[in-house]
C-alpha atoms as a PDB file:
ATOM      1  CA  MET A   1       0.000   0.000   0.000  1.00  0.00           C
ATOM      2  CA  SER A   2       1.288   3.446  -0.911  1.00  0.00           C
ATOM      3  CA  SER A   3       2.058   5.959   1.818  1.00  0.00           C
ATOM      4  CA  PHE A   4       3.060   9.459   0.858  1.00  0.00           C
ATOM      5  CA  ASP A   5       3.319  10.920   4.348  1.00  0.00           C
ATOM      6  CA  GLY A   6       7.057  11.452   3.893  1.00  0.00           C
ATOM      7  CA  LEU A   7       6.544  13.223   0.575  1.00  0.00           C
ATOM      8  CA  ARG A   8       3.889  15.470   2.063  1.00  0.00           C
ATOM      9  CA  ARG A   9       6.204  16.422   4.923  1.00  0.00           C
ATOM     10  CA  VAL A  10       8.980  17.311   2.477  1.00  0.00           C
ATOM     11  CA  CYS A  11       6.644  19.501   0.414  1.00  0.00           C
ATOM     12  CA  GLN A  12       4.959  21.187   3.364  1.00  0.00           C
ATOM     13  CA  GLU A  13       8.304  22.004   4.955  1.00  0.00           C
ATOM     14  CA  ALA A  14       9.595  23.472   1.697  1.00  0.00           C
ATOM     15  CA  VAL A  15       6.547  25.748   1.517  1.00  0.00           C
ATOM     16  CA  SER A  16       6.785  26.788   5.158  1.00  0.00           C
ATOM     17  CA  LEU A  17      10.467  27.683   4.715  1.00  0.00           C
ATOM     18  CA  GLY A  18       9.776  29.721   1.577  1.00  0.00           C
ATOM     19  CA  VAL A  19      11.747  27.497  -0.786  1.00  0.00           C
ATOM     20  CA  SER A  20       8.802  27.748  -3.193  1.00  0.00           C
ATOM     21  CA  PRO A  21       5.450  29.456  -2.674  1.00  0.00           C
ATOM     22  CA  GLY A  22       3.757  26.220  -3.622  1.00  0.00           C
ATOM     23  CA  LEU A  23       3.876  23.151  -5.818  1.00  0.00           C
ATOM     24  CA  VAL A  24       1.795  20.361  -7.281  1.00  0.00           C
ATOM     25  CA  VAL A  25       3.083  16.790  -7.314  1.00  0.00           C
ATOM     26  CA  VAL A  26       1.848  13.741  -9.224  1.00  0.00           C
ATOM     27  CA  VAL A  27       3.179  10.212  -8.799  1.00  0.00           C
ATOM     28  CA  GLY A  28       2.090   7.917 -11.614  1.00  0.00           C
ATOM     29  CA  VAL A  29       2.423   4.132 -11.784  1.00  0.00           C
ATOM     30  CA  GLU A  30       1.127   1.791 -14.490  1.00  0.00           C
ATOM     31  CA  GLY A  31      -1.441   4.162 -15.908  1.00  0.00           C
ATOM     32  CA  ARG A  32      -2.764   5.464 -12.562  1.00  0.00           C
ATOM     33  CA  ASN A  33      -1.994   8.538 -10.512  1.00  0.00           C
ATOM     34  CA  LEU A  34      -1.266   7.272  -7.014  1.00  0.00           C
ATOM     35  CA  LEU A  35      -0.944  10.831  -5.738  1.00  0.00           C
ATOM     36  CA  HIS A  36      -1.982  14.194  -7.151  1.00  0.00           C
ATOM     37  CA  ASP A  37      -1.715  16.863  -4.499  1.00  0.00           C
ATOM     38  CA  ALA A  38      -1.123  20.592  -4.162  1.00  0.00           C
ATOM     39  CA  PHE A  39       0.832  22.390  -1.465  1.00  0.00           C
ATOM     40  CA  GLY A  40       1.106  26.030  -0.452  1.00  0.00           C
ATOM     41  CA  GLN A  41       0.166  28.943  -2.682  1.00  0.00           C
ATOM     42  CA  ARG A  42       0.187  29.479  -6.394  1.00  0.00           C
ATOM     43  CA  GLN A  43       0.947  33.135  -5.785  1.00  0.00           C
ATOM     44  CA  THR A  44       1.932  35.447  -2.957  1.00  0.00           C
ATOM     45  CA  GLU A  45       1.603  38.693  -4.942  1.00  0.00           C
ATOM     46  CA  PRO A  46      -0.437  40.769  -5.492  1.00  0.00           C
ATOM     47  CA  ALA A  47      -2.611  38.730  -3.081  1.00  0.00           C
ATOM     48  CA  PRO A  48      -2.157  35.204  -1.703  1.00  0.00           C
ATOM     49  CA  LEU A  49      -4.006  32.473  -3.594  1.00  0.00           C
ATOM     50  CA  PRO A  50      -3.785  28.733  -2.876  1.00  0.00           C
ATOM     51  CA  ALA A  51      -2.146  26.195  -5.139  1.00  0.00           C
ATOM     52  CA  THR A  52      -4.706  23.661  -6.326  1.00  0.00           C
ATOM     53  CA  PRO A  53      -4.337  20.385  -8.224  1.00  0.00           C
ATOM     54  CA  ASP A  54      -5.562  22.110 -11.406  1.00  0.00           C
ATOM     55  CA  THR A  55      -3.243  25.142 -11.208  1.00  0.00           C
ATOM     56  CA  VAL A  56      -1.623  25.921 -14.561  1.00  0.00           C
ATOM     57  CA  TYR A  57       2.148  26.502 -14.511  1.00  0.00           C
ATOM     58  CA  ASP A  58       4.758  27.845 -16.897  1.00  0.00           C
ATOM     59  CA  LEU A  59       6.472  24.587 -17.893  1.00  0.00           C
ATOM     60  CA  ALA A  60       9.512  26.463 -19.235  1.00  0.00           C
ATOM     61  CA  SER A  61      12.119  24.003 -20.516  1.00  0.00           C
ATOM     62  CA  LEU A  62       9.777  21.025 -20.256  1.00  0.00           C
ATOM     63  CA  THR A  63       8.758  22.462 -23.645  1.00  0.00           C
ATOM     64  CA  LYS A  64      11.939  20.930 -25.051  1.00  0.00           C
ATOM     65  CA  ALA A  65      10.893  17.433 -24.007  1.00  0.00           C
ATOM     66  CA  LEU A  66       7.103  17.568 -24.267  1.00  0.00           C
ATOM     67  CA  VAL A  67       6.782  19.553 -27.503  1.00  0.00           C
ATOM     68  CA  THR A  68       9.979  19.831 -29.530  1.00  0.00           C
ATOM     69  CA  SER A  69      11.237  16.326 -28.803  1.00  0.00           C
ATOM     70  CA  VAL A  70       7.812  14.719 -29.280  1.00  0.00           C
ATOM     71  CA  LEU A  71       7.270  16.541 -32.583  1.00  0.00           C
ATOM     72  CA  ALA A  72      10.732  15.421 -33.711  1.00  0.00           C
ATOM     73  CA  MET A  73       9.885  11.814 -32.768  1.00  0.00           C
ATOM     74  CA  ARG A  74       6.704  11.945 -34.821  1.00  0.00           C
ATOM     75  CA  ALA A  75       8.489  13.522 -37.799  1.00  0.00           C
ATOM     76  CA  VAL A  76      11.119  10.767 -37.687  1.00  0.00           C
ATOM     77  CA  ALA A  77       8.414   8.109 -37.437  1.00  0.00           C
ATOM     78  CA  ASN A  78       6.610   9.595 -40.447  1.00  0.00           C
ATOM     79  CA  GLY A  79       9.771   9.689 -42.558  1.00  0.00           C
ATOM     80  CA  GLN A  80       9.768  13.487 -42.687  1.00  0.00           C
ATOM     81  CA  LEU A  81      13.005  13.843 -40.738  1.00  0.00           C
ATOM     82  CA  ARG A  82      16.133  11.796 -40.147  1.00  0.00           C
ATOM     83  CA  LEU A  83      18.298  12.133 -37.067  1.00  0.00           C
ATOM     84  CA  SER A  84      21.316  12.295 -39.351  1.00  0.00           C
ATOM     85  CA  ASP A  85      19.938  15.314 -41.221  1.00  0.00           C
ATOM     86  CA  PRO A  86      21.780  18.609 -40.718  1.00  0.00           C
ATOM     87  CA  LEU A  87      20.043  21.121 -38.480  1.00  0.00           C
ATOM     88  CA  LEU A  88      21.051  24.042 -40.686  1.00  0.00           C
ATOM     89  CA  ASP A  89      22.064  24.470 -44.296  1.00  0.00           C
ATOM     90  CA  GLY A  90      25.676  23.548 -44.923  1.00  0.00           C
ATOM     91  CA  ASP A  91      28.107  22.203 -42.358  1.00  0.00           C
ATOM     92  CA  GLY A  92      27.016  22.030 -38.755  1.00  0.00           C
ATOM     93  CA  PRO A  93      25.341  19.809 -36.203  1.00  0.00           C
ATOM     94  CA  THR A  94      22.873  17.076 -36.998  1.00  0.00           C
ATOM     95  CA  ILE A  95      19.368  16.783 -35.617  1.00  0.00           C
ATOM     96  CA  ARG A  96      20.628  14.000 -33.326  1.00  0.00           C
ATOM     97  CA  GLN A  97      23.471  16.139 -31.982  1.00  0.00           C
ATOM     98  CA  THR A  98      21.118  19.062 -31.408  1.00  0.00           C
ATOM     99  CA  LEU A  99      18.637  16.920 -29.488  1.00  0.00           C
ATOM    100  CA  ALA A 100      21.535  15.667 -27.335  1.00  0.00           C
ATOM    101  CA  HIS A 101      22.690  19.225 -26.579  1.00  0.00           C
ATOM    102  CA  ALA A 102      25.894  18.398 -28.426  1.00  0.00           C
ATOM    103  CA  GLY A 103      25.473  20.748 -31.377  1.00  0.00           C
ATOM    104  CA  GLY A 104      28.301  23.109 -30.477  1.00  0.00           C
ATOM    105  CA  PHE A 105      25.995  25.843 -29.179  1.00  0.00           C
ATOM    106  CA  VAL A 106      26.582  28.006 -26.135  1.00  0.00           C
ATOM    107  CA  ALA A 107      24.003  27.678 -23.371  1.00  0.00           C
ATOM    108  CA  HIS A 108      22.242  31.028 -23.724  1.00  0.00           C
ATOM    109  CA  ARG A 109      22.358  34.449 -25.290  1.00  0.00           C
ATOM    110  CA  PRO A 110      19.962  37.372 -24.548  1.00  0.00           C
ATOM    111  CA  PHE A 111      18.836  37.712 -28.154  1.00  0.00           C
ATOM    112  CA  HIS A 112      15.713  39.613 -27.082  1.00  0.00           C
ATOM    113  CA  GLU A 113      17.962  42.602 -26.446  1.00  0.00           C
ATOM    114  CA  ARG A 114      18.994  42.663 -30.113  1.00  0.00           C
ATOM    115  CA  ALA A 115      15.554  42.112 -31.638  1.00  0.00           C
ATOM    116  CA  ALA A 116      13.527  45.324 -31.705  1.00  0.00           C
ATOM    117  CA  ALA A 117      10.259  45.347 -29.775  1.00  0.00           C
ATOM    118  CA  GLY A 118       7.260  45.704 -32.036  1.00  0.00           C
ATOM    119  CA  ASP A 119       9.119  44.379 -35.080  1.00  0.00           C
ATOM    120  CA  PRO A 120       6.863  41.823 -36.799  1.00  0.00           C
ATOM    121  CA  ALA A 121      10.012  40.012 -37.924  1.00  0.00           C
ATOM    122  CA  ARG A 122      11.347  39.791 -34.357  1.00  0.00           C
ATOM    123  CA  ARG A 123      10.716  36.073 -34.123  1.00  0.00           C
ATOM    124  CA  ARG A 124      12.672  35.386 -37.318  1.00  0.00           C
ATOM    125  CA  ARG A 125      15.418  37.742 -36.135  1.00  0.00           C
ATOM    126  CA  ILE A 126      16.024  35.666 -33.009  1.00  0.00           C
ATOM    127  CA  VAL A 127      16.283  32.494 -35.092  1.00  0.00           C
ATOM    128  CA  GLU A 128      18.823  34.223 -37.347  1.00  0.00           C
ATOM    129  CA  LEU A 129      20.852  35.377 -34.358  1.00  0.00           C
ATOM    130  CA  ALA A 130      20.909  31.844 -32.930  1.00  0.00           C
ATOM    131  CA  ALA A 131      22.004  30.410 -36.274  1.00  0.00           C
ATOM    132  CA  SER A 132      24.844  32.919 -36.656  1.00  0.00           C
ATOM    133  CA  GLU A 133      26.188  32.566 -33.104  1.00  0.00           C
ATOM    134  CA  PRO A 134      29.760  31.185 -33.198  1.00  0.00           C
ATOM    135  CA  ARG A 135      30.032  27.559 -32.113  1.00  0.00           C
ATOM    136  CA  ALA A 136      31.603  26.905 -28.736  1.00  0.00           C
ATOM    137  CA  TYR A 137      32.977  23.428 -29.577  1.00  0.00           C
ATOM    138  CA  PRO A 138      32.945  20.873 -32.435  1.00  0.00           C
ATOM    139  CA  PRO A 139      29.525  19.178 -32.625  1.00  0.00           C
ATOM    140  CA  GLY A 140      29.366  15.748 -31.040  1.00  0.00           C
ATOM    141  CA  THR A 141      32.490  16.133 -28.918  1.00  0.00           C
ATOM    142  CA  ARG A 142      30.769  17.229 -25.701  1.00  0.00           C
ATOM    143  CA  SER A 143      27.423  18.366 -24.358  1.00  0.00           C
ATOM    144  CA  ILE A 144      26.430  21.850 -23.167  1.00  0.00           C
ATOM    145  CA  TYR A 145      22.773  22.310 -22.304  1.00  0.00           C
ATOM    146  CA  SER A 146      21.623  24.929 -24.798  1.00  0.00           C
ATOM    147  CA  ASP A 147      18.496  26.933 -25.530  1.00  0.00           C
ATOM    148  CA  LEU A 148      19.999  27.974 -28.863  1.00  0.00           C
ATOM    149  CA  GLY A 149      19.898  24.510 -30.378  1.00  0.00           C
ATOM    150  CA  PHE A 150      16.232  24.096 -29.470  1.00  0.00           C
ATOM    151  CA  ILE A 151      15.308  27.541 -30.784  1.00  0.00           C
ATOM    152  CA  LEU A 152      16.729  26.396 -34.107  1.00  0.00           C
ATOM    153  CA  LEU A 153      15.223  22.927 -33.900  1.00  0.00           C
ATOM    154  CA  GLY A 154      11.798  24.409 -33.212  1.00  0.00           C
ATOM    155  CA  ASP A 155      12.179  26.613 -36.276  1.00  0.00           C
ATOM    156  CA  ARG A 156      13.307  23.635 -38.369  1.00  0.00           C
ATOM    157  CA  LEU A 157      10.212  21.673 -37.345  1.00  0.00           C
ATOM    158  CA  GLU A 158       7.943  24.627 -38.137  1.00  0.00           C
ATOM    159  CA  ARG A 159       9.388  24.977 -41.632  1.00  0.00           C
ATOM    160  CA  LEU A 160       9.303  21.219 -42.193  1.00  0.00           C
ATOM    161  CA  LEU A 161       5.753  20.680 -40.940  1.00  0.00           C
ATOM    162  CA  GLY A 162       4.234  23.916 -42.188  1.00  0.00           C
ATOM    163  CA  ALA A 163       2.851  25.467 -39.000  1.00  0.00           C
ATOM    164  CA  ARG A 164       3.940  27.148 -35.765  1.00  0.00           C
ATOM    165  CA  LEU A 165       4.766  25.033 -32.752  1.00  0.00           C
ATOM    166  CA  ASP A 166       1.572  26.059 -30.987  1.00  0.00           C
ATOM    167  CA  ALA A 167      -0.535  24.697 -33.837  1.00  0.00           C
ATOM    168  CA  LEU A 168       1.631  21.596 -34.261  1.00  0.00           C
ATOM    169  CA  SER A 169       1.486  20.736 -30.574  1.00  0.00           C
ATOM    170  CA  ALA A 170      -2.285  21.260 -30.519  1.00  0.00           C
ATOM    171  CA  GLU A 171      -2.541  18.549 -33.162  1.00  0.00           C
ATOM    172  CA  VAL A 172      -0.924  16.191 -30.650  1.00  0.00           C
ATOM    173  CA  PHE A 173      -2.609  17.339 -27.438  1.00  0.00           C
ATOM    174  CA  ALA A 174      -6.176  18.099 -28.568  1.00  0.00           C
ATOM    175  CA  PRO A 175      -7.066  14.519 -29.599  1.00  0.00           C
ATOM    176  CA  MET A 176      -5.865  13.401 -26.171  1.00  0.00           C
ATOM    177  CA  GLY A 177      -8.103  15.936 -24.429  1.00  0.00           C
ATOM    178  CA  LEU A 178      -5.116  17.774 -22.934  1.00  0.00           C
ATOM    179  CA  THR A 179      -6.699  21.197 -23.136  1.00  0.00           C
ATOM    180  CA  SER A 180      -4.430  22.981 -20.657  1.00  0.00           C
ATOM    181  CA  LEU A 181      -1.261  22.098 -22.574  1.00  0.00           C
ATOM    182  CA  ARG A 182      -0.755  25.125 -24.777  1.00  0.00           C
ATOM    183  CA  PHE A 183       1.613  28.003 -25.397  1.00  0.00           C
ATOM    184  CA  GLY A 184       0.600  30.742 -22.991  1.00  0.00           C
ATOM    185  CA  ALA A 185      -2.306  30.678 -20.545  1.00  0.00           C
ATOM    186  CA  ASP A 186      -5.342  32.846 -19.877  1.00  0.00           C
ATOM    187  CA  PRO A 187      -5.575  33.882 -16.199  1.00  0.00           C
ATOM    188  CA  GLY A 188      -9.202  34.771 -16.802  1.00  0.00           C
ATOM    189  CA  ARG A 189     -10.082  31.172 -17.647  1.00  0.00           C
ATOM    190  CA  ALA A 190      -7.719  29.139 -15.470  1.00  0.00           C
ATOM    191  CA  LYS A 191      -5.871  29.292 -12.169  1.00  0.00           C
ATOM    192  CA  VAL A 192      -2.465  30.358 -13.469  1.00  0.00           C
ATOM    193  CA  ALA A 193       0.615  30.505 -11.243  1.00  0.00           C
ATOM    194  CA  PRO A 194       2.613  33.711 -11.827  1.00  0.00           C
ATOM    195  CA  THR A 195       6.374  33.646 -12.193  1.00  0.00           C
ATOM    196  CA  GLN A 196       8.515  36.673 -11.404  1.00  0.00           C
ATOM    197  CA  ARG A 197       8.335  40.446 -11.438  1.00  0.00           C
ATOM    198  CA  SER A 198      10.100  41.287 -14.683  1.00  0.00           C
ATOM    199  CA  ALA A 199      12.205  44.426 -14.853  1.00  0.00           C
ATOM    200  CA  THR A 200      12.279  44.141 -18.649  1.00  0.00           C
ATOM    201  CA  ARG A 201       8.500  43.958 -18.971  1.00  0.00           C
ATOM    202  CA  GLY A 202       7.712  46.110 -15.938  1.00  0.00           C
ATOM    203  CA  ARG A 203       5.116  43.774 -14.455  1.00  0.00           C
ATOM    204  CA  LEU A 204       4.429  40.532 -12.691  1.00  0.00           C
ATOM    205  CA  ILE A 205       4.402  37.763 -15.282  1.00  0.00           C
ATOM    206  CA  VAL A 206       1.145  35.791 -15.357  1.00  0.00           C
ATOM    207  CA  GLY A 207       0.132  33.573 -18.251  1.00  0.00           C
ATOM    208  CA  GLU A 208       2.970  34.629 -20.540  1.00  0.00           C
ATOM    209  CA  VAL A 209       6.247  32.820 -20.789  1.00  0.00           C
ATOM    210  CA  ASP A 210       8.881  33.825 -18.243  1.00  0.00           C
ATOM    211  CA  ASP A 211      11.831  33.258 -20.608  1.00  0.00           C
ATOM    212  CA  LEU A 212      12.700  36.503 -22.385  1.00  0.00           C
ATOM    213  CA  ASN A 213      13.870  34.991 -25.677  1.00  0.00           C
ATOM    214  CA  ALA A 214      10.685  32.920 -25.896  1.00  0.00           C
ATOM    215  CA  TRP A 215       8.646  36.004 -24.961  1.00  0.00           C
ATOM    216  CA  ALA A 216      10.270  37.910 -27.831  1.00  0.00           C
ATOM    217  CA  MET A 217       9.274  35.014 -30.113  1.00  0.00           C
ATOM    218  CA  ASP A 218       5.573  35.675 -29.370  1.00  0.00           C
ATOM    219  CA  GLY A 219       5.692  33.126 -26.557  1.00  0.00           C
ATOM    220  CA  VAL A 220       6.100  30.217 -28.983  1.00  0.00           C
ATOM    221  CA  ALA A 221       9.565  28.681 -29.197  1.00  0.00           C
ATOM    222  CA  GLY A 222      11.283  25.317 -29.242  1.00  0.00           C
ATOM    223  CA  HIS A 223      12.959  25.843 -25.904  1.00  0.00           C
ATOM    224  CA  ALA A 224      10.155  27.368 -23.771  1.00  0.00           C
ATOM    225  CA  GLY A 225       6.584  28.644 -23.836  1.00  0.00           C
ATOM    226  CA  LEU A 226       4.421  25.639 -22.930  1.00  0.00           C
ATOM    227  CA  PHE A 227       1.949  25.913 -20.040  1.00  0.00           C
ATOM    228  CA  GLY A 228      -0.141  23.207 -18.460  1.00  0.00           C
ATOM    229  CA  ASN A 229      -1.668  21.683 -15.370  1.00  0.00           C
ATOM    230  CA  ALA A 230      -0.470  18.549 -13.617  1.00  0.00           C
ATOM    231  CA  ALA A 231      -3.300  16.302 -14.779  1.00  0.00           C
ATOM    232  CA  ASP A 232      -2.522  16.946 -18.440  1.00  0.00           C
ATOM    233  CA  VAL A 233       1.243  16.605 -18.100  1.00  0.00           C
ATOM    234  CA  ALA A 234       0.685  13.377 -16.161  1.00  0.00           C
ATOM    235  CA  ALA A 235      -1.641  12.060 -18.872  1.00  0.00           C
ATOM    236  CA  LEU A 236       1.066  12.730 -21.451  1.00  0.00           C
ATOM    237  CA  ALA A 237       3.630  10.947 -19.263  1.00  0.00           C
ATOM    238  CA  HIS A 238       1.320   7.927 -18.996  1.00  0.00           C
ATOM    239  CA  ALA A 239       0.911   7.959 -22.794  1.00  0.00           C
ATOM    240  CA  LEU A 240       4.672   8.038 -23.293  1.00  0.00           C
ATOM    241  CA  CYS A 241       5.053   5.061 -20.956  1.00  0.00           C
ATOM    242  CA  ALA A 242       2.403   3.241 -22.988  1.00  0.00           C
ATOM    243  CA  ALA A 243       4.229   4.085 -26.208  1.00  0.00           C
ATOM    244  CA  TRP A 244       7.433   2.681 -24.713  1.00  0.00           C
ATOM    245  CA  ARG A 245       5.727  -0.719 -24.409  1.00  0.00           C
ATOM    246  CA  ASP A 246       4.115  -0.352 -27.871  1.00  0.00           C
ATOM    247  CA  ALA A 247       0.629   0.246 -26.453  1.00  0.00           C
ATOM    248  CA  ALA A 248       0.151   3.796 -27.786  1.00  0.00           C
ATOM    249  CA  PRO A 249       1.694   3.866 -31.272  1.00  0.00           C
ATOM    250  CA  ALA A 250      -0.605   6.713 -32.334  1.00  0.00           C
ATOM    251  CA  LEU A 251       1.336   9.071 -30.058  1.00  0.00           C
ATOM    252  CA  VAL A 252       4.851   7.878 -30.899  1.00  0.00           C
ATOM    253  CA  PRO A 253       5.859   4.462 -32.247  1.00  0.00           C
ATOM    254  CA  GLY A 254       7.699   2.471 -29.588  1.00  0.00           C
ATOM    255  CA  PRO A 255      10.913   1.897 -31.571  1.00  0.00           C
ATOM    256  CA  VAL A 256      11.286   5.635 -32.214  1.00  0.00           C
ATOM    257  CA  LEU A 257      10.595   6.557 -28.596  1.00  0.00           C
ATOM    258  CA  ARG A 258      13.060   3.960 -27.344  1.00  0.00           C
ATOM    259  CA  GLU A 259      15.731   5.330 -29.685  1.00  0.00           C
ATOM    260  CA  PHE A 260      15.148   8.862 -28.394  1.00  0.00           C
ATOM    261  CA  TRP A 261      15.305   7.640 -24.797  1.00  0.00           C
ATOM    262  CA  THR A 262      18.573   5.737 -25.279  1.00  0.00           C
ATOM    263  CA  PRO A 263      21.748   7.519 -24.075  1.00  0.00           C
ATOM    264  CA  ALA A 264      23.119   9.549 -26.965  1.00  0.00           C
ATOM    265  CA  GLY A 265      26.705   8.460 -26.395  1.00  0.00           C
ATOM    266  CA  ILE A 266      28.186  11.934 -26.057  1.00  0.00           C
ATOM    267  CA  PRO A 267      31.386  11.793 -23.977  1.00  0.00           C
ATOM    268  CA  GLY A 268      30.763  12.689 -20.344  1.00  0.00           C
ATOM    269  CA  SER A 269      27.050  13.316 -20.939  1.00  0.00           C
ATOM    270  CA  THR A 270      23.829  11.833 -19.538  1.00  0.00           C
ATOM    271  CA  TRP A 271      21.689  13.237 -22.352  1.00  0.00           C
ATOM    272  CA  ARG A 272      19.370  11.177 -24.484  1.00  0.00           C
ATOM    273  CA  LEU A 273      17.595  12.839 -27.430  1.00  0.00           C
ATOM    274  CA  GLY A 274      15.581  15.752 -26.073  1.00  0.00           C
ATOM    275  CA  TRP A 275      15.574  14.198 -22.599  1.00  0.00           C
ATOM    276  CA  ASP A 276      18.199  13.834 -19.884  1.00  0.00           C
ATOM    277  CA  GLY A 277      19.065  10.860 -17.713  1.00  0.00           C
ATOM    278  CA  PRO A 278      20.115  10.690 -14.061  1.00  0.00           C
ATOM    279  CA  ALA A 279      23.813  11.108 -13.308  1.00  0.00           C
ATOM    280  CA  PRO A 280      25.429   8.104 -11.591  1.00  0.00           C
ATOM    281  CA  SER A 281      25.523  10.079  -8.346  1.00  0.00           C
ATOM    282  CA  GLY A 282      24.381  13.475  -7.110  1.00  0.00           C
ATOM    283  CA  SER A 283      21.565  13.655  -9.652  1.00  0.00           C
ATOM    284  CA  LEU A 284      18.705  16.107  -9.233  1.00  0.00           C
ATOM    285  CA  ALA A 285      16.506  13.120 -10.090  1.00  0.00           C
ATOM    286  CA  GLY A 286      17.487  11.666  -6.720  1.00  0.00           C
ATOM    287  CA  ASN A 287      19.112   8.438  -5.659  1.00  0.00           C
ATOM    288  CA  VAL A 288      16.119   6.102  -5.940  1.00  0.00           C
ATOM    289  CA  ILE A 289      15.049   6.194  -9.575  1.00  0.00           C
ATOM    290  CA  SER A 290      16.688   3.869 -12.098  1.00  0.00           C
ATOM    291  CA  ARG A 291      19.727   5.280 -13.862  1.00  0.00           C
ATOM    292  CA  ARG A 292      17.956   4.201 -17.081  1.00  0.00           C
ATOM    293  CA  ALA A 293      15.164   6.699 -16.416  1.00  0.00           C
ATOM    294  CA  VAL A 294      14.625   9.849 -18.465  1.00  0.00           C
ATOM    295  CA  GLY A 295      13.552  13.315 -17.473  1.00  0.00           C
ATOM    296  CA  HIS A 296      13.835  17.054 -17.772  1.00  0.00           C
ATOM    297  CA  LEU A 297      14.062  20.096 -15.503  1.00  0.00           C
ATOM    298  CA  ALA A 298      12.697  23.618 -15.896  1.00  0.00           C
ATOM    299  CA  PHE A 299      13.976  26.945 -14.595  1.00  0.00           C
ATOM    300  CA  THR A 300      10.597  27.850 -13.125  1.00  0.00           C
ATOM    301  CA  GLY A 301      10.737  24.808 -10.822  1.00  0.00           C
ATOM    302  CA  CYS A 302       8.969  22.104 -12.816  1.00  0.00           C
ATOM    303  CA  SER A 303      10.413  18.652 -13.444  1.00  0.00           C
ATOM    304  CA  LEU A 304       9.391  15.285 -14.825  1.00  0.00           C
ATOM    305  CA  TRP A 305      11.270  12.009 -14.311  1.00  0.00           C
ATOM    306  CA  ILE A 306      10.052   8.783 -15.922  1.00  0.00           C
ATOM    307  CA  ASP A 307      11.152   5.172 -15.490  1.00  0.00           C
ATOM    308  CA  PRO A 308       9.449   3.673 -18.554  1.00  0.00           C
ATOM    309  CA  GLU A 309      10.506   0.127 -17.695  1.00  0.00           C
ATOM    310  CA  ARG A 310       8.456   0.299 -14.484  1.00  0.00           C
ATOM    311  CA  GLU A 311       5.854   2.699 -15.918  1.00  0.00           C
ATOM    312  CA  THR A 312       6.528   5.098 -13.062  1.00  0.00           C
ATOM    313  CA  PHE A 313       7.014   8.843 -13.011  1.00  0.00           C
ATOM    314  CA  VAL A 314       7.272  11.795 -10.648  1.00  0.00           C
ATOM    315  CA  LEU A 315       5.979  15.154 -11.850  1.00  0.00           C
ATOM    316  CA  VAL A 316       6.567  18.408  -9.993  1.00  0.00           C
ATOM    317  CA  LEU A 317       5.000  21.695 -11.086  1.00  0.00           C
ATOM    318  CA  ALA A 318       6.218  24.758  -9.217  1.00  0.00           C
ATOM    319  CA  ASN A 319       6.902  28.466  -9.580  1.00  0.00           C
ATOM    320  CA  ARG A 320       9.890  28.757  -7.284  1.00  0.00           C
ATOM    321  CA  VAL A 321      10.819  31.995  -9.151  1.00  0.00           C
ATOM    322  CA  HIS A 322       7.768  33.828  -7.751  1.00  0.00           C
ATOM    323  CA  PRO A 323       7.810  36.658  -6.920  1.00  0.00           C
ATOM    324  CA  THR A 324      11.571  37.022  -7.431  1.00  0.00           C
ATOM    325  CA  ALA A 325      13.966  34.578  -9.071  1.00  0.00           C
ATOM    326  CA  SER A 326      17.000  33.608  -7.044  1.00  0.00           C
ATOM    327  CA  ASP A 327      19.674  30.927  -7.001  1.00  0.00           C
ATOM    328  CA  ASP A 328      18.494  29.263  -3.800  1.00  0.00           C
ATOM    329  CA  PRO A 329      20.572  26.178  -2.915  1.00  0.00           C
ATOM    330  CA  ARG A 330      17.623  24.858  -0.919  1.00  0.00           C
ATOM    331  CA  TRP A 331      15.691  24.414  -4.163  1.00  0.00           C
ATOM    332  CA  LYS A 332      18.486  22.342  -5.662  1.00  0.00           C
ATOM    333  CA  ALA A 333      18.370  20.104  -2.572  1.00  0.00           C
ATOM    334  CA  LEU A 334      14.568  19.913  -2.687  1.00  0.00           C
ATOM    335  CA  ARG A 335      14.365  18.442  -6.195  1.00  0.00           C
ATOM    336  CA  PRO A 336      15.991  15.060  -5.350  1.00  0.00           C
ATOM    337  CA  ALA A 337      14.312  14.976  -1.925  1.00  0.00           C
ATOM    338  CA  ILE A 338      10.865  15.163  -3.546  1.00  0.00           C
ATOM    339  CA  ASN A 339      11.682  12.525  -6.145  1.00  0.00           C
ATOM    340  CA  ASP A 340      13.119  10.103  -3.592  1.00  0.00           C
ATOM    341  CA  ALA A 341      10.229  10.551  -1.147  1.00  0.00           C
ATOM    342  CA  ALA A 342       7.689  10.152  -3.954  1.00  0.00           C
ATOM    343  CA  LEU A 343       9.190   6.904  -5.214  1.00  0.00           C
ATOM    344  CA  GLU A 344       9.623   5.511  -1.720  1.00  0.00           C
ATOM    345  CA  GLY A 345       5.969   6.313  -1.031  1.00  0.00           C
ATOM    346  CA  ALA A 346       4.942   4.495  -4.194  1.00  0.00           C
ATOM    347  CA  GLY A 347       6.810   1.360  -3.097  1.00  0.00           C
ATOM    348  CA  TYR A 348       9.277   1.746  -5.963  1.00  0.00           C
ATOM    349  CA  LEU A 349      12.011   0.000  -3.950  1.00  0.00           C
ATOM    350  CA  SER A 350       9.934  -3.014  -2.972  1.00  0.00           C
END
């Protein structure tokens, strides 16, 4: 029998200490959610409001895994894309290297500062800036987690498939009934967790992407921009587990998903294709989950770790950057603590 008392204590203590204003946690096993609970507040400013199981969060870099990677899987499965194809025209990284964060790109550049506000071509300008950024290392020789590669990969998928990422992702999510999974969120129609007070935008950010480069790309980019609630993200995680065992080929064929979730073989790297894996030790995924698991983190506080072999996952949605983003070491310690307590509560070790 599952007992999540330890997990609840970890989450409640984190809220009481101000590590995050609140969070929502789902533990899924074999197609069921064993726990789906909310803790603390979804916002503290301008007025306190409670976190609820259906609170919508800025999923930030989970966009890379849940949208860009999934769309790439489907394009590969349909014969529209090959992992060996070049990302850009001419010499440069392949699609596979880009997905493995081994494309030679630096981690980040503030391109929004060089793309004029109000310019209708601003979105294209940021793609051009990412493409022209000098490479930091030869592709395939190492891995540096990079937004730039996924900005370009998102653009490549849009040009290949003939629509923006918001429309392309809706084609995946809408048939599954995942109505909260979309780029941007409407605070008037859903309980949306704010992120931070933005000096650049001069306001508290609610329902629009926190990431400034994605914001300058109309909130729709390959590296960030997706919003959603825990129930919908969990449903997608269950569907991915089903695809792994060839039970949901309409989402992604099992052989393609298993290839994407196999370690990419980049020296010194834990990256798969569009998804990470736990480090041998000291992983933010914790000590309990299989080292063959896959997952992804997000700057805003969200994370998803999946052990497809045991059809088990831990999902955390949070806005630890509200109302002010900071590099709090307590948050780094909280991530593995939540994952370990969740899996122990689910009987993962038994």
